[in-house]
Each structure stands twice: as C-alpha cells, then as structure tokens.
Amino acid sequence: MKEMLVTWLAVLVVLLVIMIGNVLGRSLSSVTDGVIQADMLLILVGVKSISLLVTLIPLGLYLGILLAHGRFYRDNEMSVMQACGVSWFDLMRPTAVIGLLGVLAISLLTIFASPWAARFEQQLKQQIRDQSALSLVTPGKFIESSDGNTVFFARQSNPERTQFNDVFMYRQKGDGDPAVDSARIATYQHDPETGDEYLIFTDGQTTVGQPGGGEYTVTDFKRQGILRPRQDSGEPRLIIKGKRLSNLWGSSDLADRAELQWRISIPLAALLLALLAVPLSYTSPREGRFGKIAIAILIYIPYANLLVLMRKWIAAGTVPTWVGLWPVHVAVTLLILLLLVRRMGWRWLFGRPSAQVLSSHGASA
C-alpha cells in the first residue's frame, strides 16, 4: 500500500505540473494581450488546478498502481509472494483500499470543490469583463476591446492609469464610418452616480472616414470627451459545472442529468482503473517496470473518450438517461474479469483458487 500510495502521488504531481504549465502558458498569453491583469494570473491558475485534479487523480492512481506492481514483477518479489501463497485476491484488497482513497478524494472534489471552483472562475471572469478596459492598458502596446470595436494605444501613463500621454484610439460604431482619435493627453474619469466612464482627450484631432476612401472629416479639438460603452449583460447564467449536486439531482434538463451521471462516474472510474491495473501490471522479468505503460494508456484513452462521448449523447438526447454511462463501466469491468481469467483460469469463478495453482503461476513467471 505504501508503494502504491507513494507512486500514485509522484505520478499525480508530475501530471499536475505538466497541466499547470499548459494552463499557465495560455494565461500568460492573455496577460500579454491585455485580457486579464497580472495579479489575477495565479488565482485563475489555482482555480483551474482544482478542476484538473478531477481528471488527473484517476489517471495518476491508475498509472501509480501499475508502476508499483510493475516494480514488484521486475524485482521478482511478486513471484516470491505468489509462490508463498499470496493470491490475486490478496493483491486486490490493498489495491481496493488505495482505490477507495482515490474515490473519496474525487468524490469530495466533484461534490464540493470542483463546483465551487467553477462558480468562482465564472465570477472572476465576469469581474474581468466588467472592469474598466483602461486598467488593462500597457504603455507602448495596442489594446483591443472584447468586442473588437475599439483599439487604444498610449505611449506613457501614470502609475494609477488615470492619465495617458500621446494616445491613439480607433473607434467603430455599427455600420458608421470608423473614427481615429489622437491627442497629447487623455484623462480617465468615472461618474460614481451613473457608473459611466469617460476618456477626456486634450489637444488632439479626430478623423472620420472609410479607409481607402476619398472623403474624410478632420476635426481639431482642445478638449473632447468620449463615453465608454457600457455592456450590461445582466445576471450571468450559472454554468453546469458550477451547479451543486442538489440542483442537478431534481433537474429534468438533459444537460443537468448528463452532468450528474458524469459526477457519479468519475469516482467509479477511478476504482475500476485501480482494479484494472492489478492484472494489467503482470510482466515478465525481461519486460521491465514500464512494459505495460503503453498498453495501459491505449486502454485509458478509449475509456475516457467514451465517457465524454456518452455524456454528450445524454445531453443531446441521443442516449436515454436511464442508460447513462453504465455501458462503458460494464465494458471495463468485463475487461478486468477477462484479464483475471487469463491469469488464474476459469476455476476462480467457482471458488477461491488454491495456493498450489498460484504457486505454479509464480514459478512460471
């Protein structure tokens, strides 16, 4: 159990570091593009890490048990244990205990932590969309608005991001002609009563007209205020991943039922993968500890993809909700039985095999 637990945690840490690096890379590009602030980067990565653990814990448990048993085969310890009467059922018991620990951890994540993380991430993204675009301005870099209708550039700014020097702004309103504003100074102002945001240009020029056309309107101004359009999207709809288990249980919506089936299936999948790793880990001394990793991955990928596919089919109404994701789990259970029969023969189905039979397996190994 100690060997399996340590290997599981080591594999989980490696997988988590790889996935966090991937998330961090995508988030860094959002920071450089001016989509999010740098101080929100670690918060977003931490929240996404909770969601990543839901899928990484079963995979880490699966590979951890496989590698732990593979080491026993490599060092011929498994052959000695089986020659002394240790049966496959004796190997299954400690593996099931480790698997139940994984089930408990995933259940806590899917019931409490992961929905909370999804709700928090949704709120955080809503705050990012609602915040002033000027708070994301980086001097010397063109910043585009979320709707693509405004592009802003400033050569310099004060630390509070309330005054900018040598500014440029491109504006496009509907089907009208685009406008280009340039000014020596731009000052940000906020009306606390109405919530309106203004950008006050000083000593500048506005050019209105279609690019490539011959008609332009050029206006020189001493002072001009531009209202930032307000985007009132109303109360955001809670995403399915953020719904609590109690909300999903009594819902008649197909998407909610598919999400409920998914949350039940992930802990069950972790237990099945842990049990599958025991017979799958059998290797000859020449194969080495990592001899079955490729086969294990080739089994895991269709298993995970079929669960995702069945979830989408349930949400779309293609598969009845009473069928759920159970056919995929039944297929993996049959695979576990098939591997056990291959190693122990059919007689274990009718009674516990004797130590002599197991000893012969150990000697042949």
Protein backbone atom coordinates (compact mmCIF):
# COMPACT_ATOMS: atom_id res chain seq x y z
CA MET A 1 0.00 0.00 0.00
CA LYS A 2 2.86 2.37 0.79
CA GLU A 3 4.50 1.60 -2.56
CA MET A 4 1.26 2.23 -4.44
CA LEU A 5 0.44 5.39 -2.50
CA VAL A 6 3.88 6.98 -2.96
CA THR A 7 3.97 6.13 -6.66
CA TRP A 8 0.43 7.45 -7.15
CA LEU A 9 1.29 10.77 -5.51
CA ALA A 10 4.51 11.05 -7.53
CA VAL A 11 2.70 10.45 -10.83
CA LEU A 12 -0.07 12.86 -9.80
CA VAL A 13 2.44 15.62 -9.04
CA VAL A 14 4.17 15.15 -12.39
CA LEU A 15 0.88 15.22 -14.32
CA LEU A 16 -0.34 18.24 -12.37
CA VAL A 17 2.87 20.18 -13.03
CA ILE A 18 2.59 19.45 -16.75
CA MET A 19 -1.06 20.54 -16.93
CA ILE A 20 -0.49 23.64 -14.78
CA GLY A 21 2.37 24.61 -17.09
CA ASN A 22 -0.02 24.35 -20.03
CA VAL A 23 -2.66 26.45 -18.27
CA LEU A 24 -0.04 28.97 -17.18
CA GLY A 25 1.20 29.34 -20.75
CA ARG A 26 -2.30 30.11 -22.06
CA SER A 27 -2.97 32.50 -19.17
CA LEU A 28 0.31 34.34 -19.75
CA SER A 29 -0.69 34.98 -23.35
CA SER A 30 -3.94 36.51 -22.05
CA VAL A 31 -1.93 38.78 -19.75
CA THR A 32 0.35 39.94 -22.55
CA ASP A 33 -2.67 40.55 -24.79
CA GLY A 34 -4.24 42.71 -22.08
CA VAL A 35 -7.23 40.42 -21.47
CA ILE A 36 -6.58 39.89 -17.76
CA GLN A 37 -4.46 41.59 -15.14
CA ALA A 38 -1.21 40.04 -13.96
CA ASP A 39 -2.35 39.92 -10.32
CA MET A 40 -5.25 37.63 -11.30
CA LEU A 41 -3.00 35.13 -13.05
CA LEU A 42 -2.14 32.94 -10.05
CA ILE A 43 -5.74 32.99 -8.84
CA LEU A 44 -7.01 31.69 -12.18
CA VAL A 45 -4.31 29.01 -12.33
CA GLY A 46 -5.12 27.88 -8.79
CA VAL A 47 -8.84 27.64 -9.53
CA LYS A 48 -8.23 25.69 -12.73
CA SER A 49 -5.94 23.30 -10.85
CA ILE A 50 -8.89 22.13 -8.76
CA SER A 51 -10.80 21.19 -11.91
CA LEU A 52 -7.72 19.45 -13.32
CA LEU A 53 -7.46 17.23 -10.26
CA VAL A 54 -10.83 15.64 -11.06
CA THR A 55 -9.40 14.03 -14.19
CA LEU A 56 -5.77 13.68 -13.08
CA ILE A 57 -6.43 11.75 -9.85
CA PRO A 58 -7.94 8.70 -11.63
CA LEU A 59 -5.15 8.69 -14.22
CA GLY A 60 -2.45 9.12 -11.57
CA LEU A 61 -4.00 6.34 -9.46
CA TYR A 62 -4.14 4.04 -12.49
CA LEU A 63 -0.52 4.62 -13.52
CA GLY A 64 0.73 4.66 -9.92
CA ILE A 65 -0.66 1.21 -9.12
CA LEU A 66 0.57 -0.11 -12.46
CA LEU A 67 4.13 1.14 -11.82
CA ALA A 68 4.14 -0.10 -8.22
CA HIS A 69 3.12 -3.62 -9.23
CA GLY A 70 5.50 -3.45 -12.17
CA ARG A 71 8.38 -2.90 -9.76
CA PHE A 72 7.35 -5.99 -7.80
CA TYR A 73 7.45 -8.04 -11.01
CA ARG A 74 10.77 -6.53 -12.10
CA ASP A 75 12.45 -7.39 -8.78
CA ASN A 76 10.81 -10.87 -8.74
CA GLU A 77 9.08 -10.01 -5.45
CA MET A 78 5.70 -10.84 -6.96
CA SER A 79 6.90 -14.31 -7.93
CA VAL A 80 8.08 -14.93 -4.38
CA MET A 81 4.80 -13.69 -2.87
CA GLN A 82 2.71 -15.86 -5.18
CA ALA A 83 4.94 -18.87 -4.52
CA CYS A 84 4.27 -18.35 -0.80
CA GLY A 85 0.51 -18.49 -1.37
CA VAL A 86 -0.38 -14.83 -1.94
CA SER A 87 -3.34 -14.90 -4.32
CA TRP A 88 -4.64 -12.34 -6.77
CA PHE A 89 -7.42 -11.63 -4.29
CA ASP A 90 -4.79 -10.79 -1.67
CA LEU A 91 -3.33 -8.30 -4.13
CA MET A 92 -6.74 -6.85 -4.89
CA ARG A 93 -7.55 -5.99 -1.26
CA PRO A 94 -4.80 -3.39 -0.62
CA THR A 95 -5.31 -2.09 -4.14
CA ALA A 96 -9.02 -1.63 -3.43
CA VAL A 97 -8.15 0.31 -0.26
CA ILE A 98 -5.93 2.70 -2.24
CA GLY A 99 -8.65 2.90 -4.88
CA LEU A 100 -11.24 3.81 -2.23
CA LEU A 101 -8.95 6.61 -1.04
CA GLY A 102 -8.93 7.90 -4.61
CA VAL A 103 -12.72 7.56 -4.79
CA LEU A 104 -13.07 9.55 -1.57
CA ALA A 105 -10.78 12.31 -2.82
CA ILE A 106 -12.55 12.56 -6.18
CA SER A 107 -15.98 12.49 -4.54
CA LEU A 108 -15.05 15.45 -2.36
CA LEU A 109 -13.77 17.27 -5.44
CA THR A 110 -16.79 16.56 -7.64
CA ILE A 111 -19.38 17.29 -4.92
CA PHE A 112 -17.85 20.36 -3.26
CA ALA A 113 -14.52 21.68 -4.56
CA SER A 114 -14.96 21.47 -8.33
CA PRO A 115 -18.44 23.15 -8.48
CA TRP A 116 -17.18 25.89 -6.16
CA ALA A 117 -14.11 26.40 -8.36
CA ALA A 118 -16.31 26.62 -11.47
CA ARG A 119 -18.57 29.22 -9.83
CA PHE A 120 -15.60 31.23 -8.57
CA GLU A 121 -13.95 31.14 -12.00
CA GLN A 122 -17.18 32.32 -13.62
CA GLN A 123 -17.46 35.21 -11.17
CA LEU A 124 -13.83 36.13 -11.71
CA LYS A 125 -14.23 36.18 -15.48
CA GLN A 126 -17.37 38.30 -15.10
CA GLN A 127 -15.39 40.79 -13.00
CA ILE A 128 -12.71 40.88 -15.68
CA ARG A 129 -15.33 41.63 -18.35
CA ASP A 130 -16.96 44.33 -16.20
CA GLN A 131 -13.78 46.08 -15.17
CA SER A 132 -12.50 49.17 -16.94
CA ALA A 133 -10.59 48.38 -20.10
CA LEU A 134 -8.16 51.15 -19.19
CA SER A 135 -6.99 49.16 -16.16
CA LEU A 136 -5.51 46.68 -18.64
CA VAL A 137 -3.67 49.30 -20.68
CA THR A 138 0.04 48.65 -21.03
CA PRO A 139 2.07 51.66 -22.22
CA GLY A 140 3.54 51.07 -25.65
CA LYS A 141 1.10 48.28 -26.54
CA PHE A 142 -2.10 48.29 -28.61
CA ILE A 143 -5.08 47.07 -26.56
CA GLU A 144 -8.23 45.82 -28.30
CA SER A 145 -11.64 45.74 -26.61
CA SER A 146 -13.53 42.47 -26.17
CA ASP A 147 -15.99 43.34 -28.97
CA GLY A 148 -13.20 44.36 -31.35
CA ASN A 149 -14.71 47.80 -31.98
CA THR A 150 -12.08 49.81 -30.11
CA VAL A 151 -8.28 49.83 -30.20
CA PHE A 152 -6.34 52.01 -27.74
CA PHE A 153 -2.67 52.92 -27.55
CA ALA A 154 -0.75 55.11 -25.11
CA ARG A 155 2.95 55.82 -25.07
CA GLN A 156 3.11 56.62 -21.36
CA SER A 157 0.82 56.55 -18.33
CA ASN A 158 0.94 57.45 -14.67
CA PRO A 159 1.05 54.63 -12.07
CA GLU A 160 -2.69 54.98 -11.33
CA ARG A 161 -3.61 54.53 -15.03
CA THR A 162 -5.72 57.70 -14.93
CA GLN A 163 -3.67 59.87 -17.29
CA PHE A 164 -2.03 58.88 -20.56
CA ASN A 165 0.36 60.70 -22.87
CA ASP A 166 0.47 60.53 -26.69
CA VAL A 167 -2.67 58.45 -27.13
CA PHE A 168 -4.31 56.89 -30.15
CA MET A 169 -7.82 55.39 -30.35
CA TYR A 170 -9.67 53.65 -33.16
CA ARG A 171 -13.48 53.51 -32.81
CA GLN A 172 -16.08 51.69 -34.90
CA LYS A 173 -19.80 52.15 -34.17
CA GLY A 174 -22.10 49.81 -36.03
CA ASP A 175 -22.24 50.48 -39.78
CA GLY A 176 -20.94 54.02 -39.43
CA ASP A 177 -17.57 55.29 -40.53
CA PRO A 178 -14.67 54.48 -38.23
CA ALA A 179 -13.10 57.28 -36.22
CA VAL A 180 -9.48 57.73 -35.26
CA ASP A 181 -8.67 59.96 -32.28
CA SER A 182 -5.18 61.16 -31.41
CA ALA A 183 -4.28 63.50 -28.59
CA ARG A 184 -1.40 64.69 -26.49
CA ILE A 185 -3.07 63.82 -23.19
CA ALA A 186 -6.01 61.60 -22.22
CA THR A 187 -7.54 61.55 -18.74
CA TYR A 188 -9.80 58.86 -17.32
CA GLN A 189 -12.89 59.97 -15.39
CA HIS A 190 -15.58 57.91 -13.67
CA ASP A 191 -19.04 59.09 -12.64
CA PRO A 192 -19.86 57.31 -9.35
CA GLU A 193 -23.60 58.08 -9.62
CA THR A 194 -24.24 56.64 -13.08
CA GLY A 195 -21.20 54.38 -13.36
CA ASP A 196 -20.28 55.93 -16.72
CA GLU A 197 -16.64 56.04 -17.74
CA TYR A 198 -15.18 58.84 -19.85
CA LEU A 199 -11.89 59.36 -21.60
CA ILE A 200 -11.14 63.11 -21.87
CA PHE A 201 -8.79 63.93 -24.75
CA THR A 202 -6.81 67.18 -24.69
CA ASP A 203 -5.11 68.88 -27.67
CA GLY A 204 -5.91 66.38 -30.37
CA GLN A 205 -7.54 65.55 -33.65
CA THR A 206 -10.38 63.26 -34.80
CA THR A 207 -10.52 61.77 -38.30
CA VAL A 208 -13.74 60.12 -39.52
CA GLY A 209 -13.93 58.23 -42.81
CA GLN A 210 -13.59 54.90 -44.57
CA PRO A 211 -10.02 53.67 -45.08
CA GLY A 212 -9.07 53.95 -48.73
CA GLY A 213 -11.87 56.41 -49.46
CA GLY A 214 -11.52 59.99 -50.58
CA GLU A 215 -13.88 61.64 -48.09
CA TYR A 216 -12.70 62.39 -44.58
CA THR A 217 -13.80 64.68 -41.79
CA VAL A 218 -10.93 66.08 -39.75
CA THR A 219 -11.69 67.91 -36.51
CA ASP A 220 -9.16 69.63 -34.32
CA PHE A 221 -10.19 70.00 -30.70
CA LYS A 222 -8.90 71.47 -27.48
CA ARG A 223 -10.89 69.11 -25.27
CA GLN A 224 -13.16 66.19 -26.15
CA GLY A 225 -14.84 63.55 -24.02
CA ILE A 226 -15.61 60.01 -25.22
CA LEU A 227 -18.05 57.82 -23.32
CA ARG A 228 -17.02 54.19 -22.88
CA PRO A 229 -19.95 51.99 -23.93
CA ARG A 230 -21.50 50.08 -21.06
CA GLN A 231 -22.06 46.38 -21.55
CA ASP A 232 -24.88 45.32 -19.29
CA SER A 233 -25.19 41.60 -19.83
CA GLY A 234 -27.47 41.10 -16.83
CA GLU A 235 -27.10 38.34 -14.32
CA PRO A 236 -24.86 35.65 -15.83
CA ARG A 237 -26.35 32.18 -16.12
CA LEU A 238 -24.68 29.63 -13.88
CA ILE A 239 -22.68 27.13 -15.89
CA ILE A 240 -23.46 23.45 -15.48
CA LYS A 241 -20.09 22.64 -13.93
CA GLY A 242 -20.81 25.14 -11.17
CA LYS A 243 -24.19 23.71 -10.16
CA ARG A 244 -24.48 21.96 -6.84
CA LEU A 245 -25.38 18.29 -6.63
CA SER A 246 -28.77 19.11 -5.11
CA ASN A 247 -29.64 21.28 -8.14
CA LEU A 248 -28.67 18.54 -10.57
CA TRP A 249 -30.49 15.74 -8.75
CA GLY A 250 -34.01 17.07 -9.20
CA SER A 251 -33.49 18.68 -12.61
CA SER A 252 -35.30 17.45 -15.71
CA ASP A 253 -32.86 19.13 -18.09
CA LEU A 254 -30.86 16.64 -20.14
CA ALA A 255 -27.63 18.60 -19.73
CA ASP A 256 -28.04 18.56 -15.94
CA ARG A 257 -28.73 14.83 -15.95
CA ALA A 258 -25.64 14.24 -18.08
CA GLU A 259 -23.56 16.27 -15.61
CA LEU A 260 -24.99 14.24 -12.70
CA GLN A 261 -24.09 10.99 -14.46
CA TRP A 262 -20.60 12.35 -15.06
CA ARG A 263 -20.02 13.24 -11.41
CA ILE A 264 -21.09 9.77 -10.33
CA SER A 265 -18.99 8.07 -13.00
CA ILE A 266 -15.66 9.73 -12.23
CA PRO A 267 -15.22 8.15 -8.74
CA LEU A 268 -16.43 4.81 -10.11
CA ALA A 269 -13.97 5.06 -12.99
CA ALA A 270 -11.13 5.67 -10.53
CA LEU A 271 -11.97 2.47 -8.63
CA LEU A 272 -12.26 0.41 -11.83
CA LEU A 273 -8.94 1.75 -13.12
CA ALA A 274 -7.26 0.86 -9.83
CA LEU A 275 -8.56 -2.73 -10.04
CA LEU A 276 -7.71 -2.95 -13.74
CA ALA A 277 -4.09 -2.04 -13.02
CA VAL A 278 -3.56 -5.21 -10.94
CA PRO A 279 -3.94 -7.89 -13.65
CA LEU A 280 -2.70 -5.50 -16.32
CA SER A 281 0.58 -4.96 -14.47
CA TYR A 282 1.70 -8.57 -14.97
CA THR A 283 5.03 -8.50 -16.77
CA SER A 284 7.82 -10.96 -17.37
CA PRO A 285 11.25 -10.11 -15.89
CA ARG A 286 12.55 -9.11 -19.33
CA GLU A 287 9.76 -6.59 -19.93
CA GLY A 288 10.75 -4.33 -17.05
CA ARG A 289 8.74 -1.99 -14.87
CA PHE A 290 7.39 0.12 -17.72
CA GLY A 291 6.49 -2.76 -20.01
CA LYS A 292 2.71 -2.24 -19.80
CA ILE A 293 2.56 1.56 -19.77
CA ALA A 294 1.79 1.79 -23.50
CA ILE A 295 -1.00 -0.79 -23.26
CA ALA A 296 -2.40 0.94 -20.17
CA ILE A 297 -2.54 4.28 -21.98
CA LEU A 298 -4.19 2.67 -25.01
CA ILE A 299 -6.90 1.31 -22.69
CA TYR A 300 -7.33 4.55 -20.75
CA ILE A 301 -7.76 6.83 -23.79
CA PRO A 302 -10.81 5.00 -25.26
CA TYR A 303 -12.28 4.64 -21.76
CA ALA A 304 -12.05 8.37 -21.04
CA ASN A 305 -13.17 9.39 -24.52
CA LEU A 306 -16.17 7.07 -24.44
CA LEU A 307 -17.27 8.55 -21.12
CA VAL A 308 -17.07 12.05 -22.58
CA LEU A 309 -18.89 10.93 -25.74
CA MET A 310 -21.69 9.23 -23.80
CA ARG A 311 -22.05 12.33 -21.67
CA LYS A 312 -22.57 14.45 -24.79
CA TRP A 313 -25.05 11.94 -26.20
CA ILE A 314 -27.08 12.02 -22.97
CA ALA A 315 -27.12 15.84 -23.03
CA ALA A 316 -28.25 15.77 -26.67
CA GLY A 317 -30.95 13.15 -26.02
CA THR A 318 -29.31 10.53 -28.25
CA VAL A 319 -28.83 8.12 -25.35
CA PRO A 320 -31.60 7.70 -22.72
CA THR A 321 -30.72 8.96 -19.27
CA TRP A 322 -31.53 5.59 -17.69
CA VAL A 323 -28.77 4.03 -19.79
CA GLY A 324 -26.31 6.68 -18.70
CA LEU A 325 -22.60 5.98 -18.74
CA TRP A 326 -23.01 2.46 -17.36
CA PRO A 327 -22.27 0.56 -20.61
CA VAL A 328 -18.73 1.97 -20.61
CA HIS A 329 -18.16 0.94 -17.00
CA VAL A 330 -19.58 -2.52 -17.67
CA ALA A 331 -17.16 -2.95 -20.58
CA VAL A 332 -14.19 -2.10 -18.33
CA THR A 333 -15.49 -4.49 -15.64
CA LEU A 334 -15.65 -7.28 -18.22
CA LEU A 335 -12.09 -6.44 -19.26
CA ILE A 336 -10.95 -6.79 -15.64
CA LEU A 337 -12.65 -10.20 -15.38
CA LEU A 338 -11.12 -11.27 -18.70
CA LEU A 339 -7.62 -10.40 -17.53
CA LEU A 340 -8.16 -12.23 -14.23
CA VAL A 341 -9.42 -15.32 -16.06
CA ARG A 342 -6.40 -15.17 -18.33
CA ARG A 343 -4.06 -15.18 -15.34
CA MET A 344 -5.95 -17.56 -13.00
CA GLY A 345 -8.09 -19.72 -15.22
CA TRP A 346 -11.83 -20.30 -15.02
CA ARG A 347 -11.80 -22.21 -11.74
CA TRP A 348 -11.55 -19.00 -9.66
CA LEU A 349 -15.11 -18.18 -10.77
CA PHE A 350 -16.39 -21.23 -8.91
CA GLY A 351 -14.21 -20.96 -5.85
CA ARG A 352 -11.04 -19.47 -4.43
CA PRO A 353 -8.02 -20.96 -6.22
CA SER A 354 -5.60 -22.99 -4.21
CA ALA A 355 -2.14 -21.88 -3.23
CA GLN A 356 -0.60 -24.63 -5.40
CA VAL A 357 -2.19 -23.16 -8.53
CA LEU A 358 -0.96 -19.73 -7.61
CA SER A 359 2.48 -21.07 -6.86
CA SER A 360 2.66 -22.55 -10.33
CA HIS A 361 1.80 -19.14 -11.79
CA GLY A 362 4.56 -17.58 -9.69
CA ALA A 363 7.05 -20.23 -10.74
CA SER A 364 6.17 -19.78 -14.42
CA ALA A 365 6.62 -16.03 -14.04
